């Protein structure tokens, strides 16, 4: 994985949910992380991470991890919790115990 890969990540609200989209420089193919609203927990909004998709053409460059990092940063800034139903997002939570305060229980 290259930390110097130029990737722009944008957030798009779609209905009541949304999508974080990764745009690698020089590529027309994008990856994304989708979320939908969950049940509020302890008075906080919950976003359910449902899918992380990175097509093979742009895979192997750490794009999925960057999408999750962006979700985590957004949760810290906007003060919401995450229900990691996507297996990739759940694995990243398991690898990062310092994110436990953001996990919806």
PDB file of N, CA and C in Angstrom:
ATOM      1  N   UNK A   1       0.842  -1.179   0.000  1.00  0.00           N
ATOM      2  CA  UNK A   1       0.000   0.000   0.000  1.00  0.00           C
ATOM      3  C   UNK A   1       0.883   1.236   0.000  1.00  0.00           C
ATOM      4  N   UNK A   2       0.530   2.178  -0.847  1.00  0.00           N
ATOM      5  CA  UNK A   2       1.301   3.408  -0.944  1.00  0.00           C
ATOM      6  C   UNK A   2       0.592   4.534  -0.220  1.00  0.00           C
ATOM      7  N   UNK A   3       1.298   5.157   0.718  1.00  0.00           N
ATOM      8  CA  UNK A   3       0.719   6.291   1.427  1.00  0.00           C
ATOM      9  C   UNK A   3       0.745   7.550   0.579  1.00  0.00           C
ATOM     10  N   UNK A   4       1.442   7.508  -0.563  1.00  0.00           N
ATOM     11  CA  UNK A   4       1.530   8.685  -1.411  1.00  0.00           C
ATOM     12  C   UNK A   4       0.502   8.653  -2.532  1.00  0.00           C
ATOM     13  N   UNK A   5      -0.310   7.606  -2.608  1.00  0.00           N
ATOM     14  CA  UNK A   5      -1.347   7.526  -3.616  1.00  0.00           C
ATOM     15  C   UNK A   5      -2.304   8.703  -3.448  1.00  0.00           C
ATOM     16  N   UNK A   6      -2.532   9.424  -4.540  1.00  0.00           N
ATOM     17  CA  UNK A   6      -3.420  10.576  -4.507  1.00  0.00           C
ATOM     18  C   UNK A   6      -4.856  10.096  -4.686  1.00  0.00           C
ATOM     19  N   UNK A   7      -5.625  10.153  -3.609  1.00  0.00           N
ATOM     20  CA  UNK A   7      -7.025   9.726  -3.620  1.00  0.00           C
ATOM     21  C   UNK A   7      -7.863  10.839  -3.006  1.00  0.00           C
ATOM     22  N   UNK A   8      -8.909  11.221  -3.718  1.00  0.00           N
ATOM     23  CA  UNK A   8      -9.868  12.185  -3.191  1.00  0.00           C
ATOM     24  C   UNK A   8     -11.088  11.409  -2.734  1.00  0.00           C
ATOM     25  N   UNK A   9     -11.545  11.668  -1.515  1.00  0.00           N
ATOM     26  CA  UNK A   9     -12.739  11.002  -1.000  1.00  0.00           C
ATOM     27  C   UNK A   9     -13.818  12.053  -0.785  1.00  0.00           C
ATOM     28  N   UNK A  10     -14.982  11.783  -1.364  1.00  0.00           N
ATOM     29  CA  UNK A  10     -16.114  12.686  -1.232  1.00  0.00           C
ATOM     30  C   UNK A  10     -17.261  11.950  -0.545  1.00  0.00           C
ATOM     31  N   UNK A  11     -18.123  12.709   0.101  1.00  0.00           N
ATOM     32  CA  UNK A  11     -19.288  12.136   0.789  1.00  0.00           C
ATOM     33  C   UNK A  11     -20.542  12.590   0.059  1.00  0.00           C
ATOM     34  N   UNK A  12     -21.407  11.629  -0.243  1.00  0.00           N
ATOM     35  CA  UNK A  12     -22.642  11.914  -0.959  1.00  0.00           C
ATOM     36  C   UNK A  12     -23.815  11.391  -0.138  1.00  0.00           C
ATOM     37  N   UNK A  13     -24.727  12.263   0.240  1.00  0.00           N
ATOM     38  CA  UNK A  13     -25.941  11.840   0.941  1.00  0.00           C
ATOM     39  C   UNK A  13     -26.900  11.319  -0.118  1.00  0.00           C
ATOM     40  N   UNK A  14     -27.465  10.134   0.148  1.00  0.00           N
ATOM     41  CA  UNK A  14     -28.416   9.524  -0.774  1.00  0.00           C
ATOM     42  C   UNK A  14     -29.626   9.081   0.023  1.00  0.00           C
ATOM     43  N   UNK A  15     -30.744   9.796  -0.141  1.00  0.00           N
ATOM     44  CA  UNK A  15     -31.917   9.500   0.668  1.00  0.00           C
ATOM     45  C   UNK A  15     -31.581   9.755   2.125  1.00  0.00           C
ATOM     46  N   UNK A  16     -31.795   8.746   2.977  1.00  0.00           N
ATOM     47  CA  UNK A  16     -31.462   8.900   4.390  1.00  0.00           C
ATOM     48  C   UNK A  16     -30.075   8.340   4.702  1.00  0.00           C
ATOM     49  N   UNK A  17     -29.444   7.732   3.720  1.00  0.00           N
ATOM     50  CA  UNK A  17     -28.110   7.177   3.909  1.00  0.00           C
ATOM     51  C   UNK A  17     -27.088   7.955   3.115  1.00  0.00           C
ATOM     52  N   UNK A  18     -26.019   7.269   2.764  1.00  0.00           N
ATOM     53  CA  UNK A  18     -24.992   7.950   1.990  1.00  0.00           C
ATOM     54  C   UNK A  18     -23.892   7.027   1.534  1.00  0.00           C
ATOM     55  N   UNK A  19     -22.897   7.650   0.918  1.00  0.00           N
ATOM     56  CA  UNK A  19     -21.796   6.904   0.329  1.00  0.00           C
ATOM     57  C   UNK A  19     -20.552   7.774   0.367  1.00  0.00           C
ATOM     58  N   UNK A  20     -19.440   7.180   0.793  1.00  0.00           N
ATOM     59  CA  UNK A  20     -18.131   7.808   0.677  1.00  0.00           C
ATOM     60  C   UNK A  20     -17.506   7.224  -0.583  1.00  0.00           C
ATOM     61  N   UNK A  21     -17.069   8.089  -1.492  1.00  0.00           N
ATOM     62  CA  UNK A  21     -16.549   7.633  -2.779  1.00  0.00           C
ATOM     63  C   UNK A  21     -15.082   8.032  -2.898  1.00  0.00           C
ATOM     64  N   UNK A  22     -14.240   7.044  -3.242  1.00  0.00           N
ATOM     65  CA  UNK A  22     -12.802   7.278  -3.426  1.00  0.00           C
ATOM     66  C   UNK A  22     -12.505   7.407  -4.917  1.00  0.00           C
ATOM     67  N   UNK A  23     -11.846   8.502  -5.252  1.00  0.00           N
ATOM     68  CA  UNK A  23     -11.477   8.798  -6.634  1.00  0.00           C
ATOM     69  C   UNK A  23      -9.946   8.815  -6.735  1.00  0.00           C
ATOM     70  N   UNK A  24      -9.306   7.698  -7.113  1.00  0.00           N
ATOM     71  CA  UNK A  24      -7.844   7.728  -7.276  1.00  0.00           C
ATOM     72  C   UNK A  24      -7.470   8.612  -8.470  1.00  0.00           C
ATOM     73  N   UNK A  25      -6.426   9.404  -8.309  1.00  0.00           N
ATOM     74  CA  UNK A  25      -5.964  10.285  -9.386  1.00  0.00           C
ATOM     75  C   UNK A  25      -5.624   9.464 -10.622  1.00  0.00           C
ATOM     76  N   UNK A  26      -6.069   9.942 -11.764  1.00  0.00           N
ATOM     77  CA  UNK A  26      -5.757   9.290 -13.029  1.00  0.00           C
ATOM     78  C   UNK A  26      -6.601   8.060 -13.338  1.00  0.00           C
ATOM     79  N   UNK A  27      -7.596   7.769 -12.521  1.00  0.00           N
ATOM     80  CA  UNK A  27      -8.457   6.593 -12.728  1.00  0.00           C
ATOM     81  C   UNK A  27      -9.898   7.035 -12.929  1.00  0.00           C
ATOM     82  N   UNK A  28     -10.612   6.331 -13.785  1.00  0.00           N
ATOM     83  CA  UNK A  28     -12.048   6.594 -13.924  1.00  0.00           C
ATOM     84  C   UNK A  28     -12.858   5.686 -13.000  1.00  0.00           C
ATOM     85  N   UNK A  29     -12.238   4.627 -12.502  1.00  0.00           N
ATOM     86  CA  UNK A  29     -12.891   3.691 -11.597  1.00  0.00           C
ATOM     87  C   UNK A  29     -12.839   4.237 -10.178  1.00  0.00           C
ATOM     88  N   UNK A  30     -13.927   4.060  -9.436  1.00  0.00           N
ATOM     89  CA  UNK A  30     -13.992   4.529  -8.048  1.00  0.00           C
ATOM     90  C   UNK A  30     -14.345   3.375  -7.111  1.00  0.00           C
ATOM     91  N   UNK A  31     -14.008   3.561  -5.849  1.00  0.00           N
ATOM     92  CA  UNK A  31     -14.418   2.641  -4.803  1.00  0.00           C
ATOM     93  C   UNK A  31     -15.365   3.388  -3.884  1.00  0.00           C
ATOM     94  N   UNK A  32     -16.104   2.647  -3.050  1.00  0.00           N
ATOM     95  CA  UNK A  32     -17.042   3.335  -2.173  1.00  0.00           C
ATOM     96  C   UNK A  32     -17.330   2.543  -0.906  1.00  0.00           C
ATOM     97  N   UNK A  33     -17.812   3.271   0.089  1.00  0.00           N
ATOM     98  CA  UNK A  33     -18.291   2.718   1.352  1.00  0.00           C
ATOM     99  C   UNK A  33     -19.694   3.273   1.548  1.00  0.00           C
ATOM    100  N   UNK A  34     -20.686   2.384   1.631  1.00  0.00           N
ATOM    101  CA  UNK A  34     -22.067   2.810   1.800  1.00  0.00           C
ATOM    102  C   UNK A  34     -22.500   2.716   3.253  1.00  0.00           C
ATOM    103  N   UNK A  35     -23.394   3.610   3.639  1.00  0.00           N
ATOM    104  CA  UNK A  35     -23.967   3.566   4.981  1.00  0.00           C
ATOM    105  C   UNK A  35     -25.455   3.898   4.900  1.00  0.00           C
ATOM    106  N   UNK A  36     -26.178   3.425   5.910  1.00  0.00           N
ATOM    107  CA  UNK A  36     -27.597   3.743   6.046  1.00  0.00           C
ATOM    108  C   UNK A  36     -27.860   4.096   7.501  1.00  0.00           C
ATOM    109  N   UNK A  37     -28.961   4.797   7.769  1.00  0.00           N
ATOM    110  CA  UNK A  37     -29.227   5.178   9.150  1.00  0.00           C
ATOM    111  C   UNK A  37     -29.564   3.966  10.012  1.00  0.00           C
ATOM    112  N   UNK A  38     -29.129   4.021  11.254  1.00  0.00           N
ATOM    113  CA  UNK A  38     -29.451   2.983  12.226  1.00  0.00           C
ATOM    114  C   UNK A  38     -30.278   3.580  13.344  1.00  0.00           C
ATOM    115  N   UNK A  39     -30.582   2.754  14.319  1.00  0.00           N
ATOM    116  CA  UNK A  39     -31.314   3.220  15.503  1.00  0.00           C
ATOM    117  C   UNK A  39     -30.371   4.045  16.372  1.00  0.00           C
ATOM    118  N   UNK A  40     -30.827   5.220  16.823  1.00  0.00           N
ATOM    119  CA  UNK A  40     -30.008   6.047  17.709  1.00  0.00           C
ATOM    120  C   UNK A  40     -29.575   5.231  18.929  1.00  0.00           C
ATOM    121  N   UNK A  41     -28.401   5.521  19.415  1.00  0.00           N
ATOM    122  CA  UNK A  41     -27.831   4.811  20.565  1.00  0.00           C
ATOM    123  C   UNK A  41     -27.302   5.860  21.544  1.00  0.00           C
ATOM    124  N   UNK A  42     -27.774   5.801  22.778  1.00  0.00           N
ATOM    125  CA  UNK A  42     -27.347   6.750  23.810  1.00  0.00           C
ATOM    126  C   UNK A  42     -27.498   8.198  23.350  1.00  0.00           C
ATOM    127  N   UNK A  43     -28.587   8.463  22.618  1.00  0.00           N
ATOM    128  CA  UNK A  43     -28.867   9.825  22.165  1.00  0.00           C
ATOM    129  C   UNK A  43     -28.039  10.283  20.979  1.00  0.00           C
ATOM    130  N   UNK A  44     -27.261   9.380  20.374  1.00  0.00           N
ATOM    131  CA  UNK A  44     -26.430   9.750  19.228  1.00  0.00           C
ATOM    132  C   UNK A  44     -26.930   9.067  17.958  1.00  0.00           C
ATOM    133  N   UNK A  45     -26.750   9.766  16.846  1.00  0.00           N
ATOM    134  CA  UNK A  45     -27.041   9.195  15.537  1.00  0.00           C
ATOM    135  C   UNK A  45     -26.138   7.982  15.313  1.00  0.00           C
ATOM    136  N   UNK A  46     -26.683   6.960  14.671  1.00  0.00           N
ATOM    137  CA  UNK A  46     -25.902   5.777  14.301  1.00  0.00           C
ATOM    138  C   UNK A  46     -25.951   5.626  12.786  1.00  0.00           C
ATOM    139  N   UNK A  47     -24.791   5.416  12.198  1.00  0.00           N
ATOM    140  CA  UNK A  47     -24.699   5.114  10.769  1.00  0.00           C
ATOM    141  C   UNK A  47     -24.218   3.676  10.637  1.00  0.00           C
ATOM    142  N   UNK A  48     -24.971   2.890   9.890  1.00  0.00           N
ATOM    143  CA  UNK A  48     -24.652   1.485   9.672  1.00  0.00           C
ATOM    144  C   UNK A  48     -23.795   1.385   8.410  1.00  0.00           C
ATOM    145  N   UNK A  49     -22.542   0.972   8.574  1.00  0.00           N
ATOM    146  CA  UNK A  49     -21.657   0.751   7.423  1.00  0.00           C
ATOM    147  C   UNK A  49     -22.060  -0.589   6.811  1.00  0.00           C
ATOM    148  N   UNK A  50     -22.601  -0.551   5.589  1.00  0.00           N
ATOM    149  CA  UNK A  50     -23.164  -1.759   4.991  1.00  0.00           C
ATOM    150  C   UNK A  50     -22.266  -2.438   3.965  1.00  0.00           C
ATOM    151  N   UNK A  51     -21.532  -1.673   3.181  1.00  0.00           N
ATOM    152  CA  UNK A  51     -20.696  -2.258   2.125  1.00  0.00           C
ATOM    153  C   UNK A  51     -19.467  -1.390   1.879  1.00  0.00           C
ATOM    154  N   UNK A  52     -18.349  -2.036   1.640  1.00  0.00           N
ATOM    155  CA  UNK A  52     -17.154  -1.351   1.148  1.00  0.00           C
ATOM    156  C   UNK A  52     -16.754  -2.090  -0.119  1.00  0.00           C
ATOM    157  N   UNK A  53     -16.754  -1.373  -1.236  1.00  0.00           N
ATOM    158  CA  UNK A  53     -16.484  -1.984  -2.532  1.00  0.00           C
ATOM    159  C   UNK A  53     -15.329  -1.242  -3.210  1.00  0.00           C
ATOM    160  N   UNK A  54     -14.287  -1.983  -3.551  1.00  0.00           N
ATOM    161  CA  UNK A  54     -13.182  -1.435  -4.327  1.00  0.00           C
ATOM    162  C   UNK A  54     -12.955  -2.395  -5.501  1.00  0.00           C
ATOM    163  N   UNK A  55     -13.262  -1.955  -6.714  1.00  0.00           N
ATOM    164  CA  UNK A  55     -13.081  -2.831  -7.875  1.00  0.00           C
ATOM    165  C   UNK A  55     -11.623  -3.284  -8.036  1.00  0.00           C
ATOM    166  N   UNK A  56     -11.472  -4.464  -8.569  1.00  0.00           N
ATOM    167  CA  UNK A  56     -10.139  -5.064  -8.757  1.00  0.00           C
ATOM    168  C   UNK A  56      -9.175  -4.127  -9.483  1.00  0.00           C
ATOM    169  N   UNK A  57      -9.680  -3.367 -10.441  1.00  0.00           N
ATOM    170  CA  UNK A  57      -8.825  -2.467 -11.231  1.00  0.00           C
ATOM    171  C   UNK A  57      -8.045  -1.485 -10.354  1.00  0.00           C
ATOM    172  N   UNK A  58      -8.630  -1.079  -9.220  1.00  0.00           N
ATOM    173  CA  UNK A  58      -7.952  -0.131  -8.340  1.00  0.00           C
ATOM    174  C   UNK A  58      -7.644  -0.749  -6.978  1.00  0.00           C
ATOM    175  N   UNK A  59      -7.810  -2.044  -6.869  1.00  0.00           N
ATOM    176  CA  UNK A  59      -7.577  -2.736  -5.604  1.00  0.00           C
ATOM    177  C   UNK A  59      -6.104  -2.843  -5.250  1.00  0.00           C
ATOM    178  N   UNK A  60      -5.853  -3.235  -4.012  1.00  0.00           N
ATOM    179  CA  UNK A  60      -4.485  -3.454  -3.551  1.00  0.00           C
ATOM    180  C   UNK A  60      -3.699  -2.194  -3.272  1.00  0.00           C
ATOM    181  N   UNK A  61      -4.367  -1.069  -3.195  1.00  0.00           N
ATOM    182  CA  UNK A  61      -3.676   0.205  -2.969  1.00  0.00           C
ATOM    183  C   UNK A  61      -4.080   0.873  -1.658  1.00  0.00           C
ATOM    184  N   UNK A  62      -4.826   0.161  -0.825  1.00  0.00           N
ATOM    185  CA  UNK A  62      -5.236   0.726   0.458  1.00  0.00           C
ATOM    186  C   UNK A  62      -6.440   1.641   0.390  1.00  0.00           C
ATOM    187  N   UNK A  63      -7.162   1.596  -0.711  1.00  0.00           N
ATOM    188  CA  UNK A  63      -8.301   2.497  -0.879  1.00  0.00           C
ATOM    189  C   UNK A  63      -9.415   2.172   0.110  1.00  0.00           C
ATOM    190  N   UNK A  64      -9.703   0.895   0.326  1.00  0.00           N
ATOM    191  CA  UNK A  64     -10.756   0.523   1.277  1.00  0.00           C
ATOM    192  C   UNK A  64     -10.420   1.035   2.676  1.00  0.00           C
ATOM    193  N   UNK A  65      -9.166   0.900   3.078  1.00  0.00           N
ATOM    194  CA  UNK A  65      -8.756   1.407   4.392  1.00  0.00           C
ATOM    195  C   UNK A  65      -8.912   2.912   4.485  1.00  0.00           C
ATOM    196  N   UNK A  66      -8.600   3.599   3.421  1.00  0.00           N
ATOM    197  CA  UNK A  66      -8.759   5.054   3.424  1.00  0.00           C
ATOM    198  C   UNK A  66     -10.224   5.453   3.540  1.00  0.00           C
ATOM    199  N   UNK A  67     -11.100   4.686   2.899  1.00  0.00           N
ATOM    200  CA  UNK A  67     -12.529   4.966   3.025  1.00  0.00           C
ATOM    201  C   UNK A  67     -12.983   4.816   4.478  1.00  0.00           C
ATOM    202  N   UNK A  68     -12.534   3.761   5.136  1.00  0.00           N
ATOM    203  CA  UNK A  68     -12.903   3.547   6.538  1.00  0.00           C
ATOM    204  C   UNK A  68     -12.309   4.660   7.403  1.00  0.00           C
ATOM    205  N   UNK A  69     -11.059   5.022   7.156  1.00  0.00           N
ATOM    206  CA  UNK A  69     -10.447   6.120   7.917  1.00  0.00           C
ATOM    207  C   UNK A  69     -11.252   7.411   7.761  1.00  0.00           C
ATOM    208  N   UNK A  70     -11.743   7.641   6.552  1.00  0.00           N
ATOM    209  CA  UNK A  70     -12.544   8.846   6.315  1.00  0.00           C
ATOM    210  C   UNK A  70     -13.852   8.783   7.103  1.00  0.00           C
ATOM    211  N   UNK A  71     -14.491   7.618   7.127  1.00  0.00           N
ATOM    212  CA  UNK A  71     -15.706   7.438   7.919  1.00  0.00           C
ATOM    213  C   UNK A  71     -15.424   7.710   9.398  1.00  0.00           C
ATOM    214  N   UNK A  72     -14.324   7.181   9.905  1.00  0.00           N
ATOM    215  CA  UNK A  72     -13.951   7.373  11.311  1.00  0.00           C
ATOM    216  C   UNK A  72     -13.716   8.859  11.601  1.00  0.00           C
ATOM    217  N   UNK A  73     -12.964   9.525  10.737  1.00  0.00           N
ATOM    218  CA  UNK A  73     -12.712  10.963  10.925  1.00  0.00           C
ATOM    219  C   UNK A  73     -14.026  11.755  10.918  1.00  0.00           C
ATOM    220  N   UNK A  74     -14.913  11.388  10.015  1.00  0.00           N
ATOM    221  CA  UNK A  74     -16.202  12.068   9.909  1.00  0.00           C
ATOM    222  C   UNK A  74     -17.032  11.841  11.179  1.00  0.00           C
ATOM    223  N   UNK A  75     -17.012  10.607  11.702  1.00  0.00           N
ATOM    224  CA  UNK A  75     -17.746  10.295  12.932  1.00  0.00           C
ATOM    225  C   UNK A  75     -17.221  11.119  14.105  1.00  0.00           C
ATOM    226  N   UNK A  76     -15.916  11.288  14.180  1.00  0.00           N
ATOM    227  CA  UNK A  76     -15.332  12.091  15.266  1.00  0.00           C
ATOM    228  C   UNK A  76     -15.746  13.564  15.133  1.00  0.00           C
ATOM    229  N   UNK A  77     -15.726  14.078  13.912  1.00  0.00           N
ATOM    230  CA  UNK A  77     -16.073  15.489  13.699  1.00  0.00           C
ATOM    231  C   UNK A  77     -17.563  15.764  13.889  1.00  0.00           C
ATOM    232  N   UNK A  78     -18.412  14.834  13.456  1.00  0.00           N
ATOM    233  CA  UNK A  78     -19.864  15.050  13.482  1.00  0.00           C
ATOM    234  C   UNK A  78     -20.545  14.378  14.668  1.00  0.00           C
ATOM    235  N   UNK A  79     -19.775  13.659  15.485  1.00  0.00           N
ATOM    236  CA  UNK A  79     -20.269  13.051  16.713  1.00  0.00           C
ATOM    237  C   UNK A  79     -21.391  12.034  16.482  1.00  0.00           C
ATOM    238  N   UNK A  80     -21.141  11.070  15.587  1.00  0.00           N
ATOM    239  CA  UNK A  80     -22.084   9.972  15.410  1.00  0.00           C
ATOM    240  C   UNK A  80     -21.367   8.650  15.675  1.00  0.00           C
ATOM    241  N   UNK A  81     -22.150   7.597  15.858  1.00  0.00           N
ATOM    242  CA  UNK A  81     -21.618   6.259  16.097  1.00  0.00           C
ATOM    243  C   UNK A  81     -21.736   5.419  14.828  1.00  0.00           C
ATOM    244  N   UNK A  82     -20.957   4.349  14.779  1.00  0.00           N
ATOM    245  CA  UNK A  82     -20.931   3.482  13.599  1.00  0.00           C
ATOM    246  C   UNK A  82     -21.287   2.061  14.009  1.00  0.00           C
ATOM    247  N   UNK A  83     -22.192   1.454  13.261  1.00  0.00           N
ATOM    248  CA  UNK A  83     -22.506   0.034  13.394  1.00  0.00           C
ATOM    249  C   UNK A  83     -21.837  -0.655  12.211  1.00  0.00           C
ATOM    250  N   UNK A  84     -20.694  -1.313  12.435  1.00  0.00           N
ATOM    251  CA  UNK A  84     -19.917  -1.875  11.326  1.00  0.00           C
ATOM    252  C   UNK A  84     -20.452  -3.238  10.846  1.00  0.00           C
ATOM    253  N   UNK A  85     -21.551  -3.222  10.104  1.00  0.00           N
ATOM    254  CA  UNK A  85     -22.101  -4.472   9.588  1.00  0.00           C
ATOM    255  C   UNK A  85     -21.327  -4.983   8.376  1.00  0.00           C
ATOM    256  N   UNK A  86     -20.615  -4.108   7.696  1.00  0.00           N
ATOM    257  CA  UNK A  86     -19.715  -4.525   6.611  1.00  0.00           C
ATOM    258  C   UNK A  86     -18.540  -5.263   7.252  1.00  0.00           C
ATOM    259  N   UNK A  87     -18.203  -6.439   6.739  1.00  0.00           N
ATOM    260  CA  UNK A  87     -17.130  -7.242   7.348  1.00  0.00           C
ATOM    261  C   UNK A  87     -15.785  -6.529   7.316  1.00  0.00           C
ATOM    262  N   UNK A  88     -15.506  -5.756   6.276  1.00  0.00           N
ATOM    263  CA  UNK A  88     -14.226  -5.040   6.206  1.00  0.00           C
ATOM    264  C   UNK A  88     -14.165  -3.956   7.282  1.00  0.00           C
ATOM    265  N   UNK A  89     -15.243  -3.208   7.438  1.00  0.00           N
ATOM    266  CA  UNK A  89     -15.280  -2.154   8.455  1.00  0.00           C
ATOM    267  C   UNK A  89     -15.181  -2.778   9.849  1.00  0.00           C
ATOM    268  N   UNK A  90     -15.868  -3.896  10.066  1.00  0.00           N
ATOM    269  CA  UNK A  90     -15.797  -4.585  11.364  1.00  0.00           C
ATOM    270  C   UNK A  90     -14.365  -5.033  11.655  1.00  0.00           C
ATOM    271  N   UNK A  91     -13.670  -5.557  10.654  1.00  0.00           N
ATOM    272  CA  UNK A  91     -12.275  -5.991  10.839  1.00  0.00           C
ATOM    273  C   UNK A  91     -11.385  -4.806  11.187  1.00  0.00           C
ATOM    274  N   UNK A  92     -11.616  -3.663  10.560  1.00  0.00           N
ATOM    275  CA  UNK A  92     -10.813  -2.472  10.865  1.00  0.00           C
ATOM    276  C   UNK A  92     -11.087  -1.992  12.299  1.00  0.00           C
ATOM    277  N   UNK A  93     -12.329  -2.098  12.766  1.00  0.00           N
ATOM    278  CA  UNK A  93     -12.636  -1.764  14.156  1.00  0.00           C
ATOM    279  C   UNK A  93     -11.871  -2.697  15.084  1.00  0.00           C
ATOM    280  N   UNK A  94     -11.835  -3.987  14.758  1.00  0.00           N
ATOM    281  CA  UNK A  94     -11.124  -4.954  15.593  1.00  0.00           C
ATOM    282  C   UNK A  94      -9.628  -4.656  15.639  1.00  0.00           C
ATOM    283  N   UNK A  95      -9.065  -4.154  14.537  1.00  0.00           N
ATOM    284  CA  UNK A  95      -7.638  -3.818  14.463  1.00  0.00           C
ATOM    285  C   UNK A  95      -7.298  -2.513  15.183  1.00  0.00           C
ATOM    286  N   UNK A  96      -8.309  -1.700  15.458  1.00  0.00           N
ATOM    287  CA  UNK A  96      -8.094  -0.363  16.023  1.00  0.00           C
ATOM    288  C   UNK A  96      -8.923  -0.185  17.291  1.00  0.00           C
ATOM    289  N   UNK A  97      -8.465  -0.728  18.427  1.00  0.00           N
ATOM    290  CA  UNK A  97      -9.246  -0.626  19.668  1.00  0.00           C
ATOM    291  C   UNK A  97      -9.511   0.823  20.100  1.00  0.00           C
ATOM    292  N   UNK A  98      -8.719   1.779  19.615  1.00  0.00           N
ATOM    293  CA  UNK A  98      -8.938   3.177  19.975  1.00  0.00           C
ATOM    294  C   UNK A  98     -10.189   3.745  19.289  1.00  0.00           C
ATOM    295  N   UNK A  99     -10.831   2.969  18.431  1.00  0.00           N
ATOM    296  CA  UNK A  99     -12.071   3.394  17.805  1.00  0.00           C
ATOM    297  C   UNK A  99     -13.301   2.913  18.594  1.00  0.00           C
ATOM    298  N   UNK A 100     -13.099   2.181  19.671  1.00  0.00           N
ATOM    299  CA  UNK A 100     -14.202   1.560  20.403  1.00  0.00           C
ATOM    300  C   UNK A 100     -15.279   2.557  20.814  1.00  0.00           C
ATOM    301  N   UNK A 101     -14.888   3.792  21.092  1.00  0.00           N
ATOM    302  CA  UNK A 101     -15.869   4.804  21.506  1.00  0.00           C
ATOM    303  C   UNK A 101     -16.818   5.195  20.377  1.00  0.00           C
ATOM    304  N   UNK A 102     -16.492   4.826  19.141  1.00  0.00           N
ATOM    305  CA  UNK A 102     -17.331   5.163  17.987  1.00  0.00           C
ATOM    306  C   UNK A 102     -18.230   4.006  17.569  1.00  0.00           C
ATOM    307  N   UNK A 103     -18.050   2.848  18.190  1.00  0.00           N
ATOM    308  CA  UNK A 103     -18.824   1.663  17.795  1.00  0.00           C
ATOM    309  C   UNK A 103     -20.171   1.660  18.515  1.00  0.00           C
ATOM    310  N   UNK A 104     -21.251   1.591  17.732  1.00  0.00           N
ATOM    311  CA  UNK A 104     -22.586   1.494  18.316  1.00  0.00           C
ATOM    312  C   UNK A 104     -22.736   0.120  18.929  1.00  0.00           C
ATOM    313  N   UNK A 105     -23.271   0.087  20.158  1.00  0.00           N
ATOM    314  CA  UNK A 105     -23.401  -1.214  20.834  1.00  0.00           C
ATOM    315  C   UNK A 105     -24.798  -1.759  20.732  1.00  0.00           C
TER     316      UNK A 105
END
